[in-house]
Amino acid sequence: MKFALIPAREGSKRIPQKNIKPFCGKPLIAYSIKAAVDSGLFDKVIVSTDSPYIAALSNSLGAETPFMRPPELADDFSSTRAVIAHAINEMAKQGHSFEYCCCIYVTAPFVQVDYLQ
């Protein structure tokens, strides 16, 4: 399986709720999800979050949230590497094996399908 992982924790000190803030008429996370889905590169587009609200919003935008991120991976000191490792482990527990994982940040709203391809 090939999957895109979009890390989107709830807490942000500098810009509260930045991952879901409106940006040009849509929540910021919508751009990363749409690019990943529209690229056709991934079997799944997964959002790693600690927020039920971000999970529900992500699902409504075409992503999946098959697990919630634990609090210890949702603080100011959590590394992207640890978040990716957690996602891979959680998906493996659900019986999935992987060819590759592509991390796409929410804060890259200008990511384009052709950039991913």
Protein backbone atom coordinates (compact mmCIF):
# COMPACT_ATOMS: atom_id res chain seq x y z
CA MET A 1 0.00 0.00 0.00
CA LYS A 2 1.04 3.57 -0.69
CA PHE A 3 -0.25 6.23 1.62
CA ALA A 4 0.00 9.94 2.23
CA LEU A 5 0.26 11.02 5.85
CA ILE A 6 -0.86 14.49 6.85
CA PRO A 7 0.12 15.38 10.43
CA ALA A 8 -2.39 17.80 11.97
CA ARG A 9 -2.28 18.19 15.72
CA GLU A 10 -4.76 20.40 17.50
CA GLY A 11 -2.39 22.55 19.56
CA SER A 12 -0.44 25.44 18.12
CA LYS A 13 1.08 28.17 20.21
CA ARG A 14 1.79 30.80 17.55
CA ILE A 15 -1.39 30.42 15.48
CA PRO A 16 -4.12 28.65 17.46
CA GLN A 17 -6.05 26.07 15.40
CA LYS A 18 -3.84 26.84 12.37
CA ASN A 19 -4.55 23.52 10.66
CA ILE A 20 -8.24 24.33 10.29
CA LYS A 21 -8.07 28.12 9.94
CA PRO A 22 -9.85 29.44 6.85
CA PHE A 23 -7.44 30.18 4.00
CA CYS A 24 -8.93 31.58 0.78
CA GLY A 25 -12.32 30.20 1.70
CA LYS A 26 -11.36 26.69 2.84
CA PRO A 27 -9.80 25.17 5.96
CA LEU A 28 -6.03 25.07 5.53
CA ILE A 29 -5.97 21.26 5.74
CA ALA A 30 -8.30 20.99 2.71
CA TYR A 31 -5.52 21.91 0.27
CA SER A 32 -3.14 19.14 1.33
CA ILE A 33 -5.90 16.55 1.40
CA LYS A 34 -7.19 17.54 -2.04
CA ALA A 35 -3.72 17.46 -3.63
CA ALA A 36 -3.02 14.03 -2.15
CA VAL A 37 -6.38 12.58 -3.21
CA ASP A 38 -6.30 14.15 -6.69
CA SER A 39 -2.74 12.95 -7.36
CA GLY A 40 -3.92 9.36 -7.70
CA LEU A 41 -0.63 8.25 -6.14
CA PHE A 42 -1.99 6.94 -2.87
CA ASP A 43 -4.20 4.07 -1.81
CA LYS A 44 -5.05 6.03 1.32
CA VAL A 45 -4.74 9.62 2.50
CA ILE A 46 -4.44 9.51 6.28
CA VAL A 47 -4.55 12.37 8.75
CA SER A 48 -2.72 11.85 12.03
CA THR A 49 -4.41 14.01 14.65
CA ASP A 50 -5.25 14.19 18.32
CA SER A 51 -8.45 16.15 17.63
CA PRO A 52 -11.86 14.58 17.04
CA TYR A 53 -12.89 17.79 15.23
CA ILE A 54 -9.90 17.70 12.84
CA ALA A 55 -10.57 13.99 12.28
CA ALA A 56 -14.22 14.60 11.35
CA LEU A 57 -13.32 17.54 9.11
CA SER A 58 -10.58 15.51 7.40
CA ASN A 59 -12.98 12.64 6.79
CA SER A 60 -15.49 15.02 5.23
CA LEU A 61 -12.74 16.27 2.90
CA GLY A 62 -11.82 12.79 1.65
CA ALA A 63 -9.08 11.68 4.05
CA GLU A 64 -9.18 8.85 6.58
CA THR A 65 -8.42 8.91 10.30
CA PRO A 66 -8.15 5.23 11.22
CA PHE A 67 -6.48 6.02 14.57
CA MET A 68 -6.00 8.97 16.92
CA ARG A 69 -2.58 10.31 17.78
CA PRO A 70 -1.67 9.88 21.47
CA PRO A 71 -0.99 12.98 23.61
CA GLU A 72 2.74 12.22 23.88
CA LEU A 73 3.01 12.67 20.08
CA ALA A 74 0.94 15.85 19.99
CA ASP A 75 3.05 18.35 21.89
CA ASP A 76 5.55 21.02 20.90
CA PHE A 77 8.42 18.54 21.08
CA SER A 78 7.00 15.70 18.97
CA SER A 79 9.05 14.98 15.89
CA THR A 80 7.62 14.31 12.46
CA ARG A 81 9.64 11.10 12.39
CA ALA A 82 7.94 9.84 15.55
CA VAL A 83 4.51 10.75 14.16
CA ILE A 84 5.24 8.88 10.91
CA ALA A 85 6.54 5.85 12.82
CA HIS A 86 3.39 5.84 14.95
CA ALA A 87 1.17 5.98 11.84
CA ILE A 88 3.03 3.13 10.16
CA ASN A 89 2.82 1.02 13.32
CA GLU A 90 -0.90 1.73 13.76
CA MET A 91 -1.64 0.85 10.14
CA ALA A 92 0.42 -2.35 10.45
CA LYS A 93 -1.66 -3.31 13.50
CA GLN A 94 -4.71 -2.99 11.24
CA GLY A 95 -3.16 -5.45 8.79
CA HIS A 96 -1.72 -3.06 6.21
CA SER A 97 1.73 -3.39 4.66
CA PHE A 98 3.45 -0.53 2.89
CA GLU A 99 5.38 0.26 -0.22
CA TYR A 100 5.85 3.87 0.80
CA CYS A 101 4.54 6.72 2.91
CA CYS A 102 4.62 10.37 1.81
CA CYS A 103 4.37 13.05 4.47
CA ILE A 104 2.50 16.17 3.35
CA TYR A 105 2.27 19.09 5.74
CA VAL A 106 -0.96 21.01 6.29
CA THR A 107 1.05 24.22 6.19
CA ALA A 108 1.90 23.68 2.52
CA PRO A 109 -1.39 24.81 0.93
CA PHE A 110 0.28 25.50 -2.41
CA VAL A 111 1.32 21.87 -2.92
CA GLN A 112 0.14 20.80 -6.37
CA VAL A 113 -0.75 17.43 -7.83
CA ASP A 114 2.10 17.66 -10.35
CA TYR A 115 4.58 18.41 -7.55
CA LEU A 116 3.57 15.17 -5.86
CA GLN A 117 3.64 13.19 -9.09
